[in-house]
Structures are given as C-alpha cells and as structure tokens.
Amino acid sequence: MRNGLTKLLSYPLAVAMTVIEIRPHRLGWKVFEAPGVEPVFPEKDRAINYARSRACFRLGEIRILDSGDDVERVIPFDDTNRKL
C-alpha cells in the first residue's frame, strides 16, 4: 500500500492555467479572456490594468500581442506575484 501511495504522489498535478490576450484592435486594444468577454480599451495601459484585475486569484499569464499576432510581452500571474 505504501508504494502505491508514493507512486500516486509522485505524479505532477494538472493545474488549470488562464491565458488572457491583449491585441491591437481598430478602436484600441482588445482584451480577450473568453468568447463574449472581449472589451476594447483606447490605451494599452488600460487594457493591461483590466487584464491584471481579471487575473486576480488565478494562475496563468497575460500575453500582449503585436499586429502580426506575435507575442510581444508575457506577464505571468500567480500567488508569488500577487500583492495584498
């Protein structure tokens, strides 16, 4: 029994990771979290601040894309980056 428990505990845990994308839009910057949750902001900084607020209490990253859909910057978010 003990070997079975040790073997079970040695498997990595699957963790859900949230990815929020920020990309250029004709009206500014679109924040894509999920279908139907796609607000557009006139300034990139406002889009990043919104994404950070939506990332609260989650694990994942914010990806800022350029006009060619290439990743320009990644902002990870998890418990170690969170301030109370």
Protein backbone atom coordinates (compact mmCIF):
# COMPACT_ATOMS: atom_id res chain seq x y z
CA MET A 1 0.00 0.00 0.00
CA ARG A 2 2.75 2.46 0.89
CA ASN A 3 4.47 2.05 -2.52
CA GLY A 4 1.17 2.74 -4.28
CA LEU A 5 0.66 5.96 -2.33
CA THR A 6 4.23 7.10 -3.00
CA LYS A 7 3.78 6.40 -6.71
CA LEU A 8 0.48 8.32 -6.77
CA LEU A 9 2.02 11.33 -5.03
CA SER A 10 4.93 11.45 -7.48
CA TYR A 11 2.69 12.32 -10.47
CA PRO A 12 2.54 16.03 -11.30
CA LEU A 13 -0.77 17.73 -10.61
CA ALA A 14 -2.72 19.11 -13.54
CA VAL A 15 -3.42 22.78 -12.94
CA ALA A 16 -5.78 24.96 -14.95
CA MET A 17 -4.00 27.98 -16.38
CA THR A 18 -5.77 31.13 -17.55
CA VAL A 19 -4.43 32.96 -20.60
CA ILE A 20 -5.63 36.49 -21.26
CA GLU A 21 -4.59 38.01 -24.59
CA ILE A 22 -4.26 41.70 -25.40
CA ARG A 23 -4.04 42.58 -29.08
CA PRO A 24 -4.34 45.64 -31.29
CA HIS A 25 -7.86 46.47 -32.46
CA ARG A 26 -9.09 49.16 -34.84
CA LEU A 27 -10.51 51.06 -31.84
CA GLY A 28 -7.54 50.50 -29.48
CA TRP A 29 -6.56 47.34 -27.60
CA LYS A 30 -8.80 44.28 -27.22
CA VAL A 31 -8.58 42.11 -24.11
CA PHE A 32 -9.64 38.53 -24.88
CA GLU A 33 -10.44 36.38 -21.88
CA ALA A 34 -13.19 34.16 -23.30
CA PRO A 35 -15.78 34.37 -26.09
CA GLY A 36 -18.09 37.23 -25.18
CA VAL A 37 -15.56 38.74 -22.75
CA GLU A 38 -13.64 40.97 -25.15
CA PRO A 39 -13.62 44.61 -24.03
CA VAL A 40 -11.70 47.18 -26.09
CA PHE A 41 -9.69 50.00 -24.48
CA PRO A 42 -8.27 53.09 -26.19
CA GLU A 43 -4.90 52.74 -24.44
CA LYS A 44 -2.66 49.70 -23.98
CA ASP A 45 -2.00 50.51 -20.30
CA ARG A 46 -5.73 50.49 -19.52
CA ALA A 47 -6.08 47.10 -21.25
CA ILE A 48 -3.19 45.69 -19.20
CA ASN A 49 -4.66 47.04 -15.95
CA TYR A 50 -8.04 45.50 -16.78
CA ALA A 51 -6.41 42.13 -17.56
CA ARG A 52 -4.46 42.23 -14.30
CA SER A 53 -7.66 42.88 -12.36
CA ARG A 54 -9.39 39.95 -14.10
CA ALA A 55 -6.41 37.70 -13.27
CA CYS A 56 -7.00 38.11 -9.54
CA PHE A 57 -6.83 34.77 -7.65
CA ARG A 58 -5.90 32.76 -10.74
CA LEU A 59 -2.83 31.10 -12.23
CA GLY A 60 -1.73 31.92 -15.76
CA GLU A 61 -0.39 34.72 -17.91
CA ILE A 62 -1.30 37.82 -19.85
CA ARG A 63 0.04 37.78 -23.41
CA ILE A 64 0.44 41.06 -25.23
CA LEU A 65 0.43 40.51 -28.97
CA ASP A 66 1.54 42.78 -31.80
CA SER A 67 -0.34 43.40 -35.04
CA GLY A 68 1.14 40.22 -36.55
CA ASP A 69 -0.17 38.09 -33.63
CA ASP A 70 3.38 37.56 -32.35
CA VAL A 71 3.87 37.65 -28.59
CA GLU A 72 5.41 41.00 -27.66
CA ARG A 73 5.38 40.52 -23.88
CA VAL A 74 4.20 37.99 -21.28
CA ILE A 75 3.07 38.96 -17.78
CA PRO A 76 2.77 35.89 -15.52
CA PHE A 77 0.33 35.93 -12.65
CA ASP A 78 0.19 33.58 -9.68
CA ASP A 79 0.34 33.69 -5.90
CA THR A 80 4.01 34.75 -5.87
CA ASN A 81 3.30 37.87 -7.99
CA ARG A 82 0.15 38.90 -6.12
CA LYS A 83 0.17 41.78 -3.64
CA LEU A 84 -2.38 42.04 -0.86
